[in-house]
Amino acid sequence: MGSDVPSSASHTPVSRTPVKVKGPSSTLYVSVMLGFMLAGLIWLVVYYLAGPEIPLINELGAWNFLIGFGLWIVGLVMTLKWR
């Protein structure tokens, strides 16, 4: 039959070098992230409250939802890399 040594004993050793952990996100990153989320929220609130009175926002119509939610989602996606 073959050798009596278990197969797990013949594998290569695992490196025990510690992995460098990155520090917290910079304040600039957090500020930009929060800025995108707030800009999206403010865009939607202004659209609802004063949309007909502001010519540019009134001309955009339903595209205001894409702009507002788009800004908010960019900030939300940035939270995935926030440390």
C-alpha atoms as a PDB file:
ATOM      1  CA  MET A   1       0.000   0.000   0.000  1.00  0.00           C
ATOM      2  CA  GLY A   2       1.573   3.468   0.054  1.00  0.00           C
ATOM      3  CA  SER A   3       3.071   5.444   2.851  1.00  0.00           C
ATOM      4  CA  ASP A   4       1.219   5.824   6.120  1.00  0.00           C
ATOM      5  CA  VAL A   5       1.876   9.598   6.293  1.00  0.00           C
ATOM      6  CA  PRO A   6      -1.360  11.608   6.127  1.00  0.00           C
ATOM      7  CA  SER A   7      -1.694  13.852   3.077  1.00  0.00           C
ATOM      8  CA  SER A   8      -1.997  16.968   5.251  1.00  0.00           C
ATOM      9  CA  ALA A   9       1.569  16.491   6.524  1.00  0.00           C
ATOM     10  CA  SER A  10       3.071  16.799   3.050  1.00  0.00           C
ATOM     11  CA  HIS A  11       1.767  20.285   2.164  1.00  0.00           C
ATOM     12  CA  THR A  12       3.966  23.374   2.039  1.00  0.00           C
ATOM     13  CA  PRO A  13       4.187  25.537   5.173  1.00  0.00           C
ATOM     14  CA  VAL A  14       1.987  28.632   5.440  1.00  0.00           C
ATOM     15  CA  SER A  15       3.640  32.023   5.706  1.00  0.00           C
ATOM     16  CA  ARG A  16       3.135  33.636   9.103  1.00  0.00           C
ATOM     17  CA  THR A  17       3.983  37.189   7.984  1.00  0.00           C
ATOM     18  CA  PRO A  18       1.468  39.624   9.464  1.00  0.00           C
ATOM     19  CA  VAL A  19      -0.686  41.564   7.013  1.00  0.00           C
ATOM     20  CA  LYS A  20      -0.445  45.346   7.212  1.00  0.00           C
ATOM     21  CA  VAL A  21      -3.775  46.854   8.181  1.00  0.00           C
ATOM     22  CA  LYS A  22      -4.594  50.178   6.590  1.00  0.00           C
ATOM     23  CA  GLY A  23      -5.458  53.045   8.881  1.00  0.00           C
ATOM     24  CA  PRO A  24      -8.724  54.956   8.964  1.00  0.00           C
ATOM     25  CA  SER A  25      -9.946  56.933   5.964  1.00  0.00           C
ATOM     26  CA  SER A  26      -8.777  60.505   5.632  1.00  0.00           C
ATOM     27  CA  THR A  27     -11.072  63.305   6.656  1.00  0.00           C
ATOM     28  CA  LEU A  28     -11.138  64.464   3.030  1.00  0.00           C
ATOM     29  CA  TYR A  29     -12.587  61.117   1.913  1.00  0.00           C
ATOM     30  CA  VAL A  30     -15.250  61.193   4.615  1.00  0.00           C
ATOM     31  CA  SER A  31     -16.077  64.824   3.801  1.00  0.00           C
ATOM     32  CA  VAL A  32     -16.511  64.071   0.092  1.00  0.00           C
ATOM     33  CA  MET A  33     -18.603  60.988   0.895  1.00  0.00           C
ATOM     34  CA  LEU A  34     -20.923  62.933   3.178  1.00  0.00           C
ATOM     35  CA  GLY A  35     -20.947  65.825   0.699  1.00  0.00           C
ATOM     36  CA  PHE A  36     -22.292  63.599  -2.077  1.00  0.00           C
ATOM     37  CA  MET A  37     -25.020  62.200   0.166  1.00  0.00           C
ATOM     38  CA  LEU A  38     -26.037  65.638   1.417  1.00  0.00           C
ATOM     39  CA  ALA A  39     -25.934  67.143  -2.087  1.00  0.00           C
ATOM     40  CA  GLY A  40     -28.309  64.447  -3.320  1.00  0.00           C
ATOM     41  CA  LEU A  41     -30.658  64.996  -0.410  1.00  0.00           C
ATOM     42  CA  ILE A  42     -30.600  68.783  -0.833  1.00  0.00           C
ATOM     43  CA  TRP A  43     -31.199  68.450  -4.597  1.00  0.00           C
ATOM     44  CA  LEU A  44     -34.315  66.354  -4.009  1.00  0.00           C
ATOM     45  CA  VAL A  45     -35.649  68.608  -1.244  1.00  0.00           C
ATOM     46  CA  VAL A  46     -35.160  71.722  -3.381  1.00  0.00           C
ATOM     47  CA  TYR A  47     -36.849  69.965  -6.309  1.00  0.00           C
ATOM     48  CA  TYR A  48     -39.894  69.138  -4.211  1.00  0.00           C
ATOM     49  CA  LEU A  49     -40.196  72.485  -2.447  1.00  0.00           C
ATOM     50  CA  ALA A  50     -39.120  75.028  -5.063  1.00  0.00           C
ATOM     51  CA  GLY A  51     -38.943  73.088  -8.335  1.00  0.00           C
ATOM     52  CA  PRO A  52     -41.532  75.098 -10.299  1.00  0.00           C
ATOM     53  CA  GLU A  53     -39.960  78.414  -9.224  1.00  0.00           C
ATOM     54  CA  ILE A  54     -36.391  77.577 -10.371  1.00  0.00           C
ATOM     55  CA  PRO A  55     -36.180  77.487 -14.190  1.00  0.00           C
ATOM     56  CA  LEU A  56     -33.290  75.001 -14.525  1.00  0.00           C
ATOM     57  CA  ILE A  57     -34.771  72.504 -12.096  1.00  0.00           C
ATOM     58  CA  ASN A  58     -38.219  72.895 -13.652  1.00  0.00           C
ATOM     59  CA  GLU A  59     -36.826  72.162 -17.147  1.00  0.00           C
ATOM     60  CA  LEU A  60     -35.121  68.958 -15.980  1.00  0.00           C
ATOM     61  CA  GLY A  61     -38.411  67.421 -14.871  1.00  0.00           C
ATOM     62  CA  ALA A  62     -38.056  63.771 -13.852  1.00  0.00           C
ATOM     63  CA  TRP A  63     -34.281  63.885 -14.440  1.00  0.00           C
ATOM     64  CA  ASN A  64     -34.095  65.556 -11.038  1.00  0.00           C
ATOM     65  CA  PHE A  65     -34.709  62.150  -9.467  1.00  0.00           C
ATOM     66  CA  LEU A  66     -31.767  60.670 -11.358  1.00  0.00           C
ATOM     67  CA  ILE A  67     -29.505  63.554 -10.315  1.00  0.00           C
ATOM     68  CA  GLY A  68     -30.576  63.515  -6.652  1.00  0.00           C
ATOM     69  CA  PHE A  69     -30.530  59.758  -6.185  1.00  0.00           C
ATOM     70  CA  GLY A  70     -27.370  59.471  -8.297  1.00  0.00           C
ATOM     71  CA  LEU A  71     -25.468  61.840  -6.009  1.00  0.00           C
ATOM     72  CA  TRP A  72     -26.792  60.016  -2.968  1.00  0.00           C
ATOM     73  CA  ILE A  73     -25.837  56.592  -4.349  1.00  0.00           C
ATOM     74  CA  VAL A  74     -22.291  57.764  -5.167  1.00  0.00           C
ATOM     75  CA  GLY A  75     -21.902  58.716  -1.498  1.00  0.00           C
ATOM     76  CA  LEU A  76     -23.434  55.433  -0.428  1.00  0.00           C
ATOM     77  CA  VAL A  77     -21.040  53.417  -2.603  1.00  0.00           C
ATOM     78  CA  MET A  78     -18.139  55.384  -1.133  1.00  0.00           C
ATOM     79  CA  THR A  79     -19.111  54.080   2.313  1.00  0.00           C
ATOM     80  CA  LEU A  80     -18.016  50.608   1.165  1.00  0.00           C
ATOM     81  CA  LYS A  81     -14.367  51.723   1.184  1.00  0.00           C
ATOM     82  CA  TRP A  82     -14.672  53.817   4.318  1.00  0.00           C
ATOM     83  CA  ARG A  83     -12.447  52.597   7.158  1.00  0.00           C
END
